[in-house]
Amino acid sequence: MRTTILVAVFAMISLLGGLTLVVLVRNGPDPLTVLSLLVLALLGFGIVGALREPPS
């Protein structure tokens, strides 16, 4: 079950990151785009890090 959740979360974060990068390339950097990349990075590190650790 953990692997399924990890794959789903990774797919969603990758999709949102890709869409954010498309906006970044088309419109150039702006504060909200940079902020969204930071939020996606925080979510990615937090969720993937938590799911990779075995339950205690």
N, C-alpha and C. Protein backbone atom coordinates (compact mmCIF):
# COMPACT_ATOMS: atom_id res chain seq x y z
N MET A 1 0.81 -1.20 0.00
CA MET A 1 0.00 0.00 0.00
C MET A 1 0.86 1.26 0.00
N ARG A 2 1.97 1.22 0.74
CA ARG A 2 2.85 2.38 0.79
C ARG A 2 3.43 2.69 -0.57
N THR A 3 3.75 1.66 -1.34
CA THR A 3 4.32 1.88 -2.67
C THR A 3 3.30 2.54 -3.59
N THR A 4 2.06 2.11 -3.49
CA THR A 4 1.00 2.70 -4.31
C THR A 4 0.82 4.18 -3.98
N ILE A 5 0.81 4.50 -2.71
CA ILE A 5 0.67 5.91 -2.30
C ILE A 5 1.88 6.72 -2.75
N LEU A 6 3.07 6.15 -2.62
CA LEU A 6 4.28 6.84 -3.02
C LEU A 6 4.27 7.14 -4.52
N VAL A 7 3.84 6.18 -5.32
CA VAL A 7 3.78 6.39 -6.77
C VAL A 7 2.73 7.45 -7.10
N ALA A 8 1.58 7.42 -6.45
CA ALA A 8 0.52 8.40 -6.71
C ALA A 8 0.98 9.81 -6.33
N VAL A 9 1.62 9.93 -5.18
CA VAL A 9 2.10 11.25 -4.73
C VAL A 9 3.19 11.75 -5.66
N PHE A 10 4.10 10.89 -6.05
CA PHE A 10 5.17 11.28 -6.96
C PHE A 10 4.60 11.72 -8.31
N ALA A 11 3.58 11.02 -8.80
CA ALA A 11 2.96 11.39 -10.07
C ALA A 11 2.28 12.76 -9.97
N MET A 12 1.58 13.01 -8.88
CA MET A 12 0.89 14.29 -8.71
C MET A 12 1.89 15.44 -8.58
N ILE A 13 2.93 15.24 -7.80
CA ILE A 13 3.93 16.30 -7.63
C ILE A 13 4.66 16.54 -8.94
N SER A 14 4.94 15.48 -9.69
CA SER A 14 5.59 15.63 -10.99
C SER A 14 4.70 16.38 -11.97
N LEU A 15 3.42 16.07 -11.97
CA LEU A 15 2.48 16.76 -12.86
C LEU A 15 2.41 18.24 -12.51
N LEU A 16 2.23 18.55 -11.23
CA LEU A 16 2.16 19.96 -10.82
C LEU A 16 3.48 20.69 -11.07
N GLY A 17 4.59 20.01 -10.86
CA GLY A 17 5.89 20.61 -11.13
C GLY A 17 6.09 20.87 -12.62
N GLY A 18 5.66 19.93 -13.44
CA GLY A 18 5.77 20.12 -14.89
C GLY A 18 4.93 21.29 -15.38
N LEU A 19 3.71 21.37 -14.87
CA LEU A 19 2.85 22.49 -15.26
C LEU A 19 3.42 23.82 -14.78
N THR A 20 4.01 23.82 -13.60
CA THR A 20 4.63 25.05 -13.09
C THR A 20 5.82 25.44 -13.94
N LEU A 21 6.60 24.47 -14.37
CA LEU A 21 7.75 24.77 -15.23
C LEU A 21 7.31 25.30 -16.59
N VAL A 22 6.20 24.78 -17.12
CA VAL A 22 5.67 25.29 -18.39
C VAL A 22 5.30 26.76 -18.24
N VAL A 23 4.63 27.11 -17.15
CA VAL A 23 4.27 28.50 -16.90
C VAL A 23 5.53 29.34 -16.73
N LEU A 24 6.53 28.82 -16.06
CA LEU A 24 7.78 29.53 -15.84
C LEU A 24 8.48 29.83 -17.17
N VAL A 25 8.47 28.87 -18.09
CA VAL A 25 9.13 29.07 -19.38
C VAL A 25 8.34 30.04 -20.26
N ARG A 26 7.02 29.90 -20.26
CA ARG A 26 6.19 30.75 -21.11
C ARG A 26 6.14 32.20 -20.63
N ASN A 27 5.98 32.41 -19.34
CA ASN A 27 5.75 33.76 -18.81
C ASN A 27 6.94 34.35 -18.08
N GLY A 28 7.98 33.57 -17.88
CA GLY A 28 9.12 34.07 -17.14
C GLY A 28 8.88 33.93 -15.64
N PRO A 29 9.93 34.09 -14.86
CA PRO A 29 9.78 33.93 -13.42
C PRO A 29 9.02 35.10 -12.80
N ASP A 30 8.16 34.76 -11.87
CA ASP A 30 7.50 35.76 -11.05
C ASP A 30 7.40 35.19 -9.64
N PRO A 31 7.08 36.00 -8.66
CA PRO A 31 7.10 35.53 -7.27
C PRO A 31 6.18 34.34 -7.00
N LEU A 32 5.01 34.30 -7.61
CA LEU A 32 4.09 33.19 -7.35
C LEU A 32 4.58 31.88 -7.95
N THR A 33 5.23 31.94 -9.10
CA THR A 33 5.78 30.74 -9.71
C THR A 33 6.92 30.18 -8.86
N VAL A 34 7.77 31.05 -8.40
CA VAL A 34 8.87 30.62 -7.54
C VAL A 34 8.33 30.04 -6.24
N LEU A 35 7.31 30.69 -5.68
CA LEU A 35 6.69 30.20 -4.46
C LEU A 35 6.07 28.82 -4.68
N SER A 36 5.42 28.62 -5.80
CA SER A 36 4.81 27.31 -6.05
C SER A 36 5.88 26.23 -6.21
N LEU A 37 7.02 26.55 -6.81
CA LEU A 37 8.10 25.57 -6.89
C LEU A 37 8.63 25.22 -5.51
N LEU A 38 8.75 26.21 -4.64
CA LEU A 38 9.20 25.95 -3.27
C LEU A 38 8.20 25.08 -2.50
N VAL A 39 6.92 25.36 -2.66
CA VAL A 39 5.89 24.57 -1.99
C VAL A 39 5.90 23.13 -2.49
N LEU A 40 6.04 22.94 -3.81
CA LEU A 40 6.11 21.58 -4.36
C LEU A 40 7.35 20.85 -3.86
N ALA A 41 8.47 21.55 -3.74
CA ALA A 41 9.68 20.92 -3.22
C ALA A 41 9.49 20.50 -1.76
N LEU A 42 8.89 21.35 -0.96
CA LEU A 42 8.63 21.00 0.44
C LEU A 42 7.70 19.80 0.55
N LEU A 43 6.63 19.80 -0.23
CA LEU A 43 5.71 18.66 -0.22
C LEU A 43 6.41 17.39 -0.67
N GLY A 44 7.18 17.50 -1.73
CA GLY A 44 7.89 16.33 -2.25
C GLY A 44 8.85 15.74 -1.24
N PHE A 45 9.70 16.58 -0.65
CA PHE A 45 10.66 16.07 0.32
C PHE A 45 9.97 15.51 1.55
N GLY A 46 8.95 16.19 2.02
CA GLY A 46 8.26 15.74 3.23
C GLY A 46 7.51 14.44 3.04
N ILE A 47 6.70 14.36 2.00
CA ILE A 47 5.87 13.18 1.79
C ILE A 47 6.70 11.98 1.38
N VAL A 48 7.60 12.18 0.44
CA VAL A 48 8.43 11.05 0.01
C VAL A 48 9.35 10.60 1.13
N GLY A 49 9.90 11.53 1.90
CA GLY A 49 10.75 11.15 3.03
C GLY A 49 9.98 10.37 4.08
N ALA A 50 8.76 10.79 4.36
CA ALA A 50 7.95 10.10 5.36
C ALA A 50 7.54 8.71 4.88
N LEU A 51 7.24 8.58 3.63
CA LEU A 51 6.78 7.28 3.12
C LEU A 51 7.94 6.29 2.91
N ARG A 52 9.16 6.78 2.78
CA ARG A 52 10.28 5.88 2.60
C ARG A 52 10.75 5.24 3.91
N GLU A 53 10.45 5.88 5.02
CA GLU A 53 10.84 5.33 6.32
C GLU A 53 9.86 4.21 6.71
N PRO A 54 10.38 3.11 7.17
CA PRO A 54 9.48 2.03 7.57
C PRO A 54 8.70 2.41 8.82
N PRO A 55 7.48 1.89 8.95
CA PRO A 55 6.70 2.21 10.15
C PRO A 55 7.33 1.59 11.40
N SER A 56 7.19 2.26 12.50
CA SER A 56 7.80 1.72 13.73
C SER A 56 6.76 1.14 14.65
